[in-house]
Amino acid sequence: MSITRNLLMGSTALVGLTAFAQNTDKPNIIFILCDDMGYGDLACYGQPYIQTPNIDRMASEGMLFTQAYAGSPVSAPSRATLMTGQHTGHTHVRGNKEYWKGRPQQQYGVTQEPDRVGQEPYDPNHVILPEIMKANGYTTGMFGKWAGGYEGSVSTPKTRGIDEYYGYICQYMAHRYFPNFLNRYSPRRGDKDVIRITMDENVKYSDGCTNPDYAKRTQYSGDMIHQEALEWLDLQTKDKPFYGLFTYTLPHAELYQPNDSILQAYYGKFCNDKNFGGTDRYHATINTHAQFAAMITRLDAYVGEIMAKLKEKGLDDNTILIFSSDNGPHEEGGADPDFFGRDGKLQGKKRSCHEGGIRIPFIVRWPGHVKAGSVNDHMLAFYDIMPTFCDLIGQENYIEKFGNKKVEHDYFDGISFAPTLLGKEGQKEHDFLYWEFHETNQMGVRKGDWKLYVNGGKCKLFNLANDIHEDHDVSAQHPEVVKELVKIIYEQHTTPDVNEFKTVTLPQRQ
């Protein structure tokens, strides 16, 4: 039996936050998680070419973190660490396993799609974050990428604590911004399960990656998902707390969007702009630098509209607004991260356990609670989100309450950073942070300023205090540190449940 059927309500505040929990209503939370945005893609993180006035304002009114980390260098496992509170040595989903390959095809106008799409499901016997929020009386909504299970699986928005959903169940389908269909789960509209909503205007035209008819499609998923999120937000009131997870797909490839004022503002801004001829995965496009910059500015406009909606409804002061990205910058579909300096002078991109693949922007705004204009170097990772939210909503002893007693080791790896957010004493620090990723056969461990990078079982050691770009391997000079960090790998790595995730080479024991 799934643990989700036995969730208990929690209402008592944690020690140190008791006064906060008792004297105010539970805060609303909106977590905006974008897709493949690098550490250096926002103006508030030093980006010189792309305009992000709303996110910059969010940072000026909140706290900007300089040492925040994704759970993995790619989407599905990174999101899994956020949802489960587990790092990738423990969590069930550790990669982008797909469930659409080889499936029968369904006709959509002049095109076809597999009859089942999605990724490896979250473990139904381990609680995920929306279930905890719902058990604490929250209305929950998710809009964007799910990537936590395939259609009809044990793990869909319907089965995992989401009251309303609209977007892409399958992250692979999200490679098209003008898709044949989107998924929806909306009981208020009569949905009894996750369904497909056909994009009737889009399916009149081919979605072939080099077919010019693709340009005739008009139903743009980015705007449609955002409008659904705003509509859901407009339904929320002060009477019941809400948790919104807005997992926008921008600026992930494909580099294709409406030719509107946002895009046109970047035409001619970049010398020697490039074109992309298309692949079996991503549609052809022109002016890739302008396209990418406009995607981030478009996302920024979404953030501005969310902030305006909260203020309009009088929900601004009691809503925690978070903005982040699921991993480092991509170079797919014609993207050129080196041109924009997207890694923020960090080495590595998406799929790498170097800093550029896993260090991410992370901004938190909560008027009257989080110090405006503050910059913080507290080291956090996605699996810290669960305990932090539990602290902020007054959920006491979440591990004891939500851990599965039938599982010998039902791991939770996070540490709450609520004290940092609220300017309180007693912030605990991680002894280490941990990553593993089978597709590129890489692992990473950070302990203090030391960073162990493992590629194919071979170790390199970097001192991030004076080598943030990870250029100088000092493993020979510090064998005792390498030994210590390799020991952590053997303590933290558990054998994956899924065969596809097992191809990671552990380093030799020291």
Protein backbone atom coordinates (compact mmCIF):
# COMPACT_ATOMS: atom_id res chain seq x y z
CA MET A 1 0.00 0.00 0.00
CA SER A 2 1.27 3.45 -0.87
CA ILE A 3 2.35 5.62 2.03
CA THR A 4 0.32 8.44 0.53
CA ARG A 5 -2.90 6.83 1.76
CA ASN A 6 -1.90 7.18 5.36
CA LEU A 7 -0.66 10.77 5.59
CA LEU A 8 -1.41 12.56 8.85
CA MET A 9 -2.08 16.18 9.45
CA GLY A 10 0.66 18.15 11.17
CA SER A 11 0.12 21.49 12.86
CA THR A 12 2.71 21.99 15.59
CA ALA A 13 5.62 24.33 14.88
CA LEU A 14 9.24 23.27 15.12
CA VAL A 15 11.42 24.49 17.93
CA GLY A 16 12.77 27.92 17.09
CA LEU A 17 9.84 28.76 14.83
CA THR A 18 7.03 28.28 17.35
CA ALA A 19 6.15 31.94 17.71
CA PHE A 20 6.07 32.43 13.97
CA ALA A 21 3.74 29.46 13.41
CA GLN A 22 1.35 30.37 16.20
CA ASN A 23 1.05 34.08 15.52
CA THR A 24 0.46 34.10 11.79
CA ASP A 25 -1.38 32.11 9.19
CA LYS A 26 0.46 29.40 7.33
CA PRO A 27 2.33 31.00 4.45
CA ASN A 28 1.43 30.33 0.86
CA ILE A 29 4.31 29.05 -1.27
CA ILE A 30 4.95 29.41 -4.99
CA PHE A 31 8.02 27.66 -6.33
CA ILE A 32 8.94 28.71 -9.88
CA LEU A 33 11.29 26.11 -11.34
CA CYS A 34 12.56 26.86 -14.82
CA ASP A 35 14.35 24.47 -17.14
CA ASP A 36 18.09 24.50 -18.00
CA MET A 37 18.87 28.04 -16.83
CA GLY A 38 22.51 28.45 -15.90
CA TYR A 39 23.94 30.18 -12.84
CA GLY A 40 24.87 33.22 -14.89
CA ASP A 41 21.74 33.67 -17.02
CA LEU A 42 20.08 36.41 -14.94
CA ALA A 43 21.11 40.04 -14.69
CA CYS A 44 21.10 39.81 -10.89
CA TYR A 45 23.74 37.07 -11.23
CA GLY A 46 25.86 39.14 -13.60
CA GLN A 47 24.33 38.45 -17.05
CA PRO A 48 25.10 41.51 -19.23
CA TYR A 49 23.00 40.78 -22.33
CA ILE A 50 19.57 39.59 -21.17
CA GLN A 51 16.92 41.76 -19.52
CA THR A 52 15.27 40.26 -16.42
CA PRO A 53 13.80 43.25 -14.55
CA ASN A 54 11.14 41.30 -12.64
CA ILE A 55 13.43 38.55 -11.35
CA ASP A 56 16.00 41.22 -10.51
CA ARG A 57 13.34 43.04 -8.50
CA MET A 58 12.45 39.78 -6.80
CA ALA A 59 16.11 39.46 -5.77
CA SER A 60 16.25 43.08 -4.57
CA GLU A 61 13.19 42.40 -2.40
CA GLY A 62 14.40 39.03 -1.14
CA MET A 63 17.45 36.80 -0.67
CA LEU A 64 19.79 35.69 -3.46
CA PHE A 65 21.82 32.53 -2.83
CA THR A 66 25.28 32.10 -4.34
CA GLN A 67 25.87 28.45 -3.39
CA ALA A 68 22.59 26.73 -4.23
CA TYR A 69 22.69 23.38 -6.00
CA ALA A 70 20.33 21.33 -8.11
CA GLY A 71 19.88 17.69 -7.23
CA SER A 72 21.31 16.44 -10.52
CA PRO A 73 22.69 17.84 -13.80
CA VAL A 74 19.51 16.84 -15.73
CA SER A 75 15.79 17.37 -15.26
CA ALA A 76 14.03 14.22 -14.00
CA PRO A 77 16.48 13.18 -11.25
CA SER A 78 17.01 16.78 -10.17
CA ARG A 79 13.28 17.26 -9.71
CA ALA A 80 13.14 13.91 -7.93
CA THR A 81 15.52 15.16 -5.24
CA LEU A 82 13.29 18.20 -4.72
CA MET A 83 10.17 16.07 -4.50
CA THR A 84 11.58 13.30 -2.29
CA GLY A 85 14.09 15.06 -0.04
CA GLN A 86 16.71 12.51 -1.13
CA HIS A 87 19.98 12.95 -3.01
CA THR A 88 20.75 10.88 -6.10
CA GLY A 89 22.58 8.19 -4.15
CA HIS A 90 19.32 7.31 -2.41
CA THR A 91 16.36 8.41 -4.49
CA HIS A 92 14.55 6.04 -6.86
CA VAL A 93 14.60 8.29 -9.97
CA ARG A 94 18.22 8.93 -10.95
CA GLY A 95 17.91 9.57 -14.67
CA ASN A 96 15.68 10.37 -17.64
CA LYS A 97 14.26 6.91 -18.35
CA GLU A 98 11.57 7.26 -21.03
CA TYR A 99 8.33 5.30 -21.45
CA TRP A 100 7.27 6.45 -24.92
CA LYS A 101 9.80 4.55 -27.03
CA GLY A 102 8.35 1.74 -29.14
CA ARG A 103 4.74 2.53 -28.17
CA PRO A 104 1.80 2.37 -30.65
CA GLN A 105 1.02 5.67 -32.36
CA GLN A 106 -2.10 7.84 -32.12
CA GLN A 107 -3.13 10.21 -34.88
CA TYR A 108 -3.27 13.95 -34.14
CA GLY A 109 -4.33 15.78 -37.28
CA VAL A 110 -1.48 15.36 -39.76
CA THR A 111 0.88 14.04 -37.06
CA GLN A 112 1.25 11.10 -34.68
CA GLU A 113 2.26 10.65 -31.04
CA PRO A 114 2.90 7.59 -28.83
CA ASP A 115 -0.12 6.39 -26.88
CA ARG A 116 1.85 6.57 -23.61
CA VAL A 117 4.48 9.10 -22.61
CA GLY A 118 6.45 9.98 -19.51
CA GLN A 119 9.42 9.09 -17.32
CA GLU A 120 10.27 6.70 -14.49
CA PRO A 121 7.63 7.07 -11.72
CA TYR A 122 8.44 8.31 -8.25
CA ASP A 123 8.44 5.51 -5.69
CA PRO A 124 4.82 5.28 -4.41
CA ASN A 125 6.12 4.04 -1.06
CA HIS A 126 8.07 7.23 -0.39
CA VAL A 127 6.26 10.47 0.34
CA ILE A 128 6.81 13.45 -1.97
CA LEU A 129 6.53 17.15 -1.19
CA PRO A 130 3.05 17.94 -2.59
CA GLU A 131 1.64 15.12 -0.44
CA ILE A 132 3.12 16.68 2.68
CA MET A 133 1.71 20.07 1.74
CA LYS A 134 -1.71 18.61 1.07
CA ALA A 135 -1.63 16.72 4.38
CA ASN A 136 -1.06 20.10 6.06
CA GLY A 137 -4.21 21.59 4.59
CA TYR A 138 -2.74 23.18 1.46
CA THR A 139 -4.41 23.48 -1.91
CA THR A 140 -1.87 22.26 -4.44
CA GLY A 141 -1.40 23.15 -8.09
CA MET A 142 1.33 22.26 -10.58
CA PHE A 143 1.80 23.77 -14.02
CA GLY A 144 4.53 22.78 -16.44
CA LYS A 145 6.70 19.65 -16.55
CA TRP A 146 5.81 16.67 -14.36
CA ALA A 147 8.60 14.20 -15.26
CA GLY A 148 7.75 12.00 -12.25
CA GLY A 149 5.93 9.18 -13.99
CA TYR A 150 4.23 8.21 -17.22
CA GLU A 151 0.53 8.40 -18.13
CA GLY A 152 -1.43 5.77 -16.21
CA SER A 153 1.45 4.93 -13.87
CA VAL A 154 1.48 4.77 -10.07
CA SER A 155 2.88 8.29 -10.01
CA THR A 156 0.92 11.03 -11.75
CA PRO A 157 -0.28 14.41 -10.48
CA LYS A 158 -3.60 12.80 -9.57
CA THR A 159 -2.00 10.14 -7.37
CA ARG A 160 0.75 12.26 -5.79
CA GLY A 161 -0.99 15.11 -4.00
CA ILE A 162 -1.68 17.57 -6.84
CA ASP A 163 -5.19 19.10 -6.88
CA GLU A 164 -4.83 20.69 -10.30
CA TYR A 165 -2.31 20.14 -13.09
CA TYR A 166 -1.68 21.43 -16.60
CA GLY A 167 1.39 20.91 -18.75
CA TYR A 168 3.65 18.15 -20.02
CA ILE A 169 3.51 14.82 -18.20
CA CYS A 170 6.49 13.83 -20.34
CA GLN A 171 9.59 16.01 -20.42
CA TYR A 172 10.52 14.68 -23.86
CA MET A 173 7.22 16.00 -25.25
CA ALA A 174 8.24 19.37 -23.80
CA HIS A 175 10.91 19.66 -26.48
CA ARG A 176 8.10 21.09 -28.64
CA TYR A 177 6.75 24.49 -27.62
CA PHE A 178 3.93 24.15 -30.16
CA PRO A 179 2.87 20.58 -29.25
CA ASN A 180 0.15 18.27 -30.46
CA PHE A 181 -1.29 17.96 -26.97
CA LEU A 182 -0.84 18.92 -23.35
CA ASN A 183 -1.92 17.03 -20.24
CA ARG A 184 -4.48 18.18 -17.69
CA TYR A 185 -5.88 17.03 -14.38
CA SER A 186 -8.63 19.36 -13.19
CA PRO A 187 -11.43 17.84 -11.08
CA ARG A 188 -13.24 21.21 -11.07
CA ARG A 189 -13.56 20.77 -14.83
CA GLY A 190 -14.74 17.18 -14.48
CA ASP A 191 -11.42 15.34 -15.02
CA LYS A 192 -11.31 12.00 -13.22
CA ASP A 193 -7.73 11.31 -14.28
CA VAL A 194 -4.89 12.92 -16.18
CA ILE A 195 -6.14 13.49 -19.73
CA ARG A 196 -4.76 14.80 -23.01
CA ILE A 197 -5.93 18.14 -24.39
CA THR A 198 -5.42 18.22 -28.16
CA MET A 199 -4.03 21.45 -29.58
CA ASP A 200 -6.58 21.61 -32.40
CA GLU A 201 -4.95 24.51 -34.22
CA ASN A 202 -1.46 23.05 -34.01
CA VAL A 203 -2.27 19.58 -35.36
CA LYS A 204 -3.39 21.05 -38.67
CA TYR A 205 0.29 21.49 -39.48
CA SER A 206 3.31 19.21 -39.42
CA ASP A 207 5.64 19.13 -36.41
CA GLY A 208 8.56 17.87 -38.47
CA CYS A 209 11.80 19.46 -37.29
CA THR A 210 12.62 20.95 -40.68
CA ASN A 211 9.09 21.36 -42.04
CA PRO A 212 8.25 25.04 -42.64
CA ASP A 213 4.59 24.36 -41.81
CA TYR A 214 5.58 24.19 -38.13
CA ALA A 215 5.76 27.99 -38.19
CA LYS A 216 2.00 28.07 -38.84
CA ARG A 217 1.22 26.62 -35.42
CA THR A 218 -0.25 29.18 -33.02
CA GLN A 219 -0.85 27.41 -29.68
CA TYR A 220 2.31 28.17 -27.72
CA SER A 221 2.65 25.97 -24.64
CA GLY A 222 4.67 28.48 -22.60
CA ASP A 223 1.89 31.06 -22.61
CA MET A 224 -0.86 28.46 -22.24
CA ILE A 225 0.74 26.85 -19.18
CA HIS A 226 1.35 30.26 -17.65
CA GLN A 227 -2.25 31.36 -18.19
CA GLU A 228 -3.49 28.18 -16.50
CA ALA A 229 -1.19 28.90 -13.57
CA LEU A 230 -2.52 32.46 -13.29
CA GLU A 231 -6.11 31.23 -13.49
CA TRP A 232 -5.45 28.77 -10.66
CA LEU A 233 -3.73 31.48 -8.64
CA ASP A 234 -6.70 33.75 -9.18
CA LEU A 235 -8.93 31.12 -7.54
CA GLN A 236 -6.89 31.15 -4.32
CA THR A 237 -7.99 33.11 -1.27
CA LYS A 238 -6.77 34.01 2.21
CA ASP A 239 -9.04 31.34 3.68
CA LYS A 240 -6.84 28.38 2.78
CA PRO A 241 -3.06 28.18 2.18
CA PHE A 242 -1.85 27.13 -1.24
CA TYR A 243 1.26 25.59 -2.75
CA GLY A 244 1.98 26.25 -6.41
CA LEU A 245 4.76 24.47 -8.28
CA PHE A 246 5.22 26.30 -11.57
CA THR A 247 7.66 24.22 -13.60
CA TYR A 248 8.01 26.32 -16.72
CA THR A 249 9.92 24.72 -19.60
CA LEU A 250 11.75 27.87 -20.67
CA PRO A 251 14.61 28.26 -21.58
CA HIS A 252 14.98 24.59 -22.54
CA ALA A 253 15.37 23.84 -26.25
CA GLU A 254 13.72 24.06 -28.72
CA LEU A 255 14.63 27.70 -29.39
CA TYR A 256 11.27 28.58 -30.88
CA GLN A 257 8.57 30.97 -29.69
CA PRO A 258 6.03 33.54 -30.93
CA ASN A 259 7.50 36.26 -33.08
CA ASP A 260 6.18 39.00 -30.80
CA SER A 261 7.61 42.15 -29.25
CA ILE A 262 9.67 40.19 -26.71
CA LEU A 263 11.55 38.33 -29.43
CA GLN A 264 11.71 41.26 -31.83
CA ALA A 265 13.40 43.40 -29.17
CA TYR A 266 16.46 41.15 -29.44
CA TYR A 267 16.70 41.06 -33.24
CA GLY A 268 19.88 42.79 -34.34
CA LYS A 269 21.25 42.98 -30.78
CA PHE A 270 23.87 40.30 -31.31
CA CYS A 271 26.57 40.40 -33.96
CA ASN A 272 27.00 37.22 -35.98
CA ASP A 273 23.82 35.66 -34.62
CA LYS A 274 23.48 31.99 -35.55
CA ASN A 275 20.93 29.71 -37.18
CA PHE A 276 20.12 26.08 -36.34
CA GLY A 277 19.20 23.58 -39.03
CA GLY A 278 17.16 21.20 -36.87
CA THR A 279 17.55 17.61 -35.70
CA ASP A 280 15.20 14.72 -35.02
CA ARG A 281 14.80 16.23 -31.55
CA TYR A 282 14.62 20.02 -32.02
CA HIS A 283 13.05 22.23 -34.66
CA ALA A 284 15.12 24.42 -36.95
CA THR A 285 15.32 28.07 -35.98
CA ILE A 286 17.06 31.31 -36.90
CA ASN A 287 18.73 33.93 -34.71
CA THR A 288 19.44 31.51 -31.87
CA HIS A 289 21.03 34.16 -29.65
CA ALA A 290 17.96 36.37 -29.93
CA GLN A 291 15.69 33.36 -29.41
CA PHE A 292 17.43 32.29 -26.24
CA ALA A 293 17.60 35.79 -24.74
CA ALA A 294 13.91 36.32 -25.49
CA MET A 295 12.99 33.03 -23.80
CA ILE A 296 14.52 34.20 -20.55
CA THR A 297 12.93 37.65 -20.83
CA ARG A 298 9.59 35.96 -21.55
CA LEU A 299 10.01 33.87 -18.42
CA ASP A 300 10.83 37.06 -16.54
CA ALA A 301 7.55 38.54 -17.76
CA TYR A 302 5.73 35.50 -16.33
CA VAL A 303 7.37 36.12 -12.96
CA GLY A 304 6.27 39.75 -13.09
CA GLU A 305 2.67 38.74 -13.74
CA ILE A 306 2.73 36.28 -10.84
CA MET A 307 4.01 38.99 -8.49
CA ALA A 308 1.35 41.39 -9.76
CA LYS A 309 -1.40 38.80 -9.26
CA LEU A 310 -0.31 38.17 -5.67
CA LYS A 311 -0.39 41.89 -4.93
CA GLU A 312 -3.75 42.33 -6.68
CA LYS A 313 -5.32 39.63 -4.49
CA GLY A 314 -3.75 40.88 -1.26
CA LEU A 315 -1.69 37.67 -0.95
CA ASP A 316 1.73 39.20 -1.44
CA ASP A 317 2.84 39.56 2.18
CA ASN A 318 1.94 35.99 3.14
CA THR A 319 3.37 34.25 0.09
CA ILE A 320 6.87 32.81 -0.14
CA LEU A 321 8.02 33.16 -3.75
CA ILE A 322 10.99 31.09 -4.90
CA PHE A 323 12.75 31.09 -8.25
CA SER A 324 15.30 28.53 -9.38
CA SER A 325 16.45 26.22 -12.19
CA ASP A 326 16.63 22.43 -12.36
CA ASN A 327 20.24 22.19 -13.59
CA GLY A 328 22.93 24.05 -15.49
CA PRO A 329 22.82 25.48 -19.03
CA HIS A 330 22.11 23.36 -22.08
CA GLU A 331 23.72 23.62 -25.52
CA GLU A 332 20.96 21.85 -27.43
CA GLY A 333 18.80 23.03 -30.28
CA GLY A 334 21.33 25.64 -31.34
CA ALA A 335 21.86 27.17 -27.89
CA ASP A 336 25.23 28.84 -27.36
CA PRO A 337 25.88 29.08 -23.62
CA ASP A 338 29.50 30.13 -24.10
CA PHE A 339 28.37 33.27 -25.93
CA PHE A 340 26.28 34.40 -22.97
CA GLY A 341 28.76 33.22 -20.36
CA ARG A 342 25.82 31.24 -19.04
CA ASP A 343 27.76 29.15 -16.57
CA GLY A 344 28.70 32.22 -14.57
CA LYS A 345 32.39 31.44 -15.14
CA LEU A 346 31.88 27.91 -13.84
CA GLN A 347 33.16 24.84 -15.62
CA GLY A 348 30.66 22.37 -17.04
CA LYS A 349 27.13 22.52 -18.40
CA LYS A 350 24.03 20.36 -18.25
CA ARG A 351 24.91 16.65 -17.69
CA SER A 352 28.13 17.55 -15.87
CA CYS A 353 28.86 17.19 -12.15
CA HIS A 354 31.25 20.12 -12.43
CA GLU A 355 29.91 23.28 -10.81
CA GLY A 356 28.41 24.64 -14.03
CA GLY A 357 26.11 21.64 -14.36
CA ILE A 358 24.71 21.76 -10.83
CA ARG A 359 25.13 25.23 -9.30
CA ILE A 360 21.98 27.22 -9.99
CA PRO A 361 20.26 30.56 -9.39
CA PHE A 362 18.10 30.50 -6.27
CA ILE A 363 16.07 33.47 -5.04
CA VAL A 364 13.55 33.65 -2.18
CA ARG A 365 11.18 36.55 -1.58
CA TRP A 366 8.88 36.87 1.43
CA PRO A 367 8.08 40.47 2.41
CA GLY A 368 8.57 41.18 6.10
CA HIS A 369 10.27 37.83 6.79
CA VAL A 370 13.18 37.43 4.36
CA LYS A 371 15.61 40.35 4.42
CA ALA A 372 15.29 42.42 1.26
CA GLY A 373 18.38 42.78 -0.91
CA SER A 374 20.36 40.15 0.98
CA VAL A 375 22.97 37.89 -0.63
CA ASN A 376 23.70 34.63 1.15
CA ASP A 377 26.43 32.02 0.67
CA HIS A 378 24.69 29.25 2.66
CA MET A 379 25.27 25.96 0.85
CA LEU A 380 21.98 24.23 0.00
CA ALA A 381 20.65 21.59 -2.37
CA PHE A 382 17.23 20.67 -3.71
CA TYR A 383 16.75 17.95 -1.11
CA ASP A 384 16.78 20.71 1.53
CA ILE A 385 13.50 22.10 0.18
CA MET A 386 11.32 19.50 1.90
CA PRO A 387 12.58 20.07 5.46
CA THR A 388 12.62 23.83 4.88
CA PHE A 389 9.00 23.89 3.81
CA CYS A 390 8.09 21.67 6.75
CA ASP A 391 9.70 24.19 9.10
CA LEU A 392 7.96 27.14 7.47
CA ILE A 393 4.48 25.56 7.55
CA GLY A 394 4.84 24.16 11.06
CA GLN A 395 5.12 20.48 10.20
CA GLU A 396 6.94 18.91 13.14
CA ASN A 397 9.08 15.78 12.84
CA TYR A 398 8.37 15.19 9.17
CA ILE A 399 10.70 12.19 8.95
CA GLU A 400 8.96 10.40 11.80
CA LYS A 401 5.52 11.33 10.51
CA PHE A 402 5.99 10.65 6.80
CA GLY A 403 8.79 8.10 6.69
CA ASN A 404 7.73 4.65 5.58
CA LYS A 405 8.14 2.36 8.60
CA LYS A 406 7.95 -0.71 6.34
CA VAL A 407 11.13 0.28 4.50
CA GLU A 408 14.40 -0.42 6.31
CA HIS A 409 16.05 2.74 5.06
CA ASP A 410 13.52 5.33 3.93
CA TYR A 411 16.06 8.08 3.42
CA PHE A 412 15.69 11.81 3.92
CA ASP A 413 18.89 13.75 3.24
CA GLY A 414 17.93 17.39 3.59
CA ILE A 415 18.63 20.09 6.16
CA SER A 416 16.21 22.98 6.62
CA PHE A 417 17.55 26.41 5.74
CA ALA A 418 14.55 28.18 7.29
CA PRO A 419 16.79 29.80 9.95
CA THR A 420 18.86 31.39 7.17
CA LEU A 421 15.75 32.69 5.43
CA LEU A 422 14.29 34.13 8.62
CA GLY A 423 17.56 35.57 9.94
CA LYS A 424 17.57 33.29 13.00
CA GLU A 425 20.37 31.59 14.86
CA GLY A 426 21.03 27.89 14.78
CA GLN A 427 21.45 27.19 11.05
CA LYS A 428 22.83 23.67 10.58
CA GLU A 429 25.28 23.05 7.75
CA HIS A 430 25.75 20.04 5.50
CA ASP A 431 28.78 17.91 6.19
CA PHE A 432 28.76 17.24 2.44
CA LEU A 433 26.65 17.43 -0.72
CA TYR A 434 26.41 14.47 -3.09
CA TRP A 435 25.61 13.83 -6.77
CA GLU A 436 25.79 10.90 -9.16
CA PHE A 437 24.68 10.70 -12.78
CA HIS A 438 24.84 7.52 -14.79
CA GLU A 439 24.46 8.92 -18.34
CA THR A 440 27.84 10.66 -18.22
CA ASN A 441 29.23 8.30 -15.55
CA GLN A 442 30.02 11.15 -13.18
CA MET A 443 29.85 11.73 -9.45
CA GLY A 444 30.47 14.71 -7.22
CA VAL A 445 31.01 15.34 -3.52
CA ARG A 446 31.42 18.75 -1.95
CA LYS A 447 32.65 19.10 1.63
CA GLY A 448 33.40 22.65 2.68
CA ASP A 449 35.59 24.14 -0.05
CA TRP A 450 36.71 20.72 -1.26
CA LYS A 451 35.08 19.31 -4.39
CA LEU A 452 35.68 15.73 -5.54
CA TYR A 453 34.78 15.20 -9.20
CA VAL A 454 34.64 11.60 -10.39
CA ASN A 455 34.48 10.71 -14.09
CA GLY A 456 34.45 7.03 -15.03
CA GLY A 457 35.74 6.16 -11.58
CA LYS A 458 38.74 8.52 -11.84
CA CYS A 459 39.00 11.22 -9.18
CA LYS A 460 39.95 14.87 -9.38
CA LEU A 461 40.07 17.14 -6.36
CA PHE A 462 39.51 20.90 -6.45
CA ASN A 463 39.64 23.64 -3.84
CA LEU A 464 36.69 25.87 -4.72
CA ALA A 465 37.95 28.62 -2.41
CA ASN A 466 40.65 29.53 -4.94
CA ASP A 467 39.66 27.46 -7.98
CA ILE A 468 35.97 27.98 -8.66
CA HIS A 469 36.45 26.95 -12.31
CA GLU A 470 37.84 23.58 -11.25
CA ASP A 471 41.01 23.88 -13.32
CA HIS A 472 43.64 22.57 -10.93
CA ASP A 473 43.48 18.97 -9.76
CA VAL A 474 45.15 18.84 -6.33
CA SER A 475 44.37 15.20 -5.56
CA ALA A 476 48.06 14.25 -5.52
CA GLN A 477 48.77 16.94 -2.93
CA HIS A 478 45.85 15.96 -0.67
CA PRO A 479 45.38 12.17 -0.77
CA GLU A 480 43.86 12.23 2.71
CA VAL A 481 41.03 14.48 1.47
CA VAL A 482 40.41 12.24 -1.53
CA LYS A 483 40.24 9.24 0.79
CA GLU A 484 37.71 11.01 3.02
CA LEU A 485 35.46 12.01 0.12
CA VAL A 486 35.64 8.61 -1.57
CA LYS A 487 34.57 7.09 1.75
CA ILE A 488 31.49 9.33 1.65
CA ILE A 489 30.62 7.97 -1.80
CA TYR A 490 30.69 4.39 -0.54
CA GLU A 491 28.57 5.36 2.46
CA GLN A 492 25.98 7.26 0.40
CA HIS A 493 25.62 5.28 -2.82
CA THR A 494 22.87 2.67 -2.81
CA THR A 495 22.23 0.25 -5.65
CA PRO A 496 19.59 1.75 -7.97
CA ASP A 497 16.27 -0.04 -8.35
CA VAL A 498 16.24 0.65 -12.11
CA ASN A 499 18.78 -1.11 -14.35
CA GLU A 500 19.27 1.93 -16.58
CA PHE A 501 20.54 3.93 -13.59
CA LYS A 502 23.23 1.43 -12.55
CA THR A 503 25.96 2.44 -15.00
CA VAL A 504 27.92 4.70 -12.70
CA THR A 505 31.49 3.69 -11.86
CA LEU A 506 32.48 4.16 -8.26
CA PRO A 507 36.06 5.24 -7.62
CA GLN A 508 38.57 2.79 -6.21
CA ARG A 509 38.53 2.62 -2.44
CA GLN A 510 41.43 4.57 -1.01
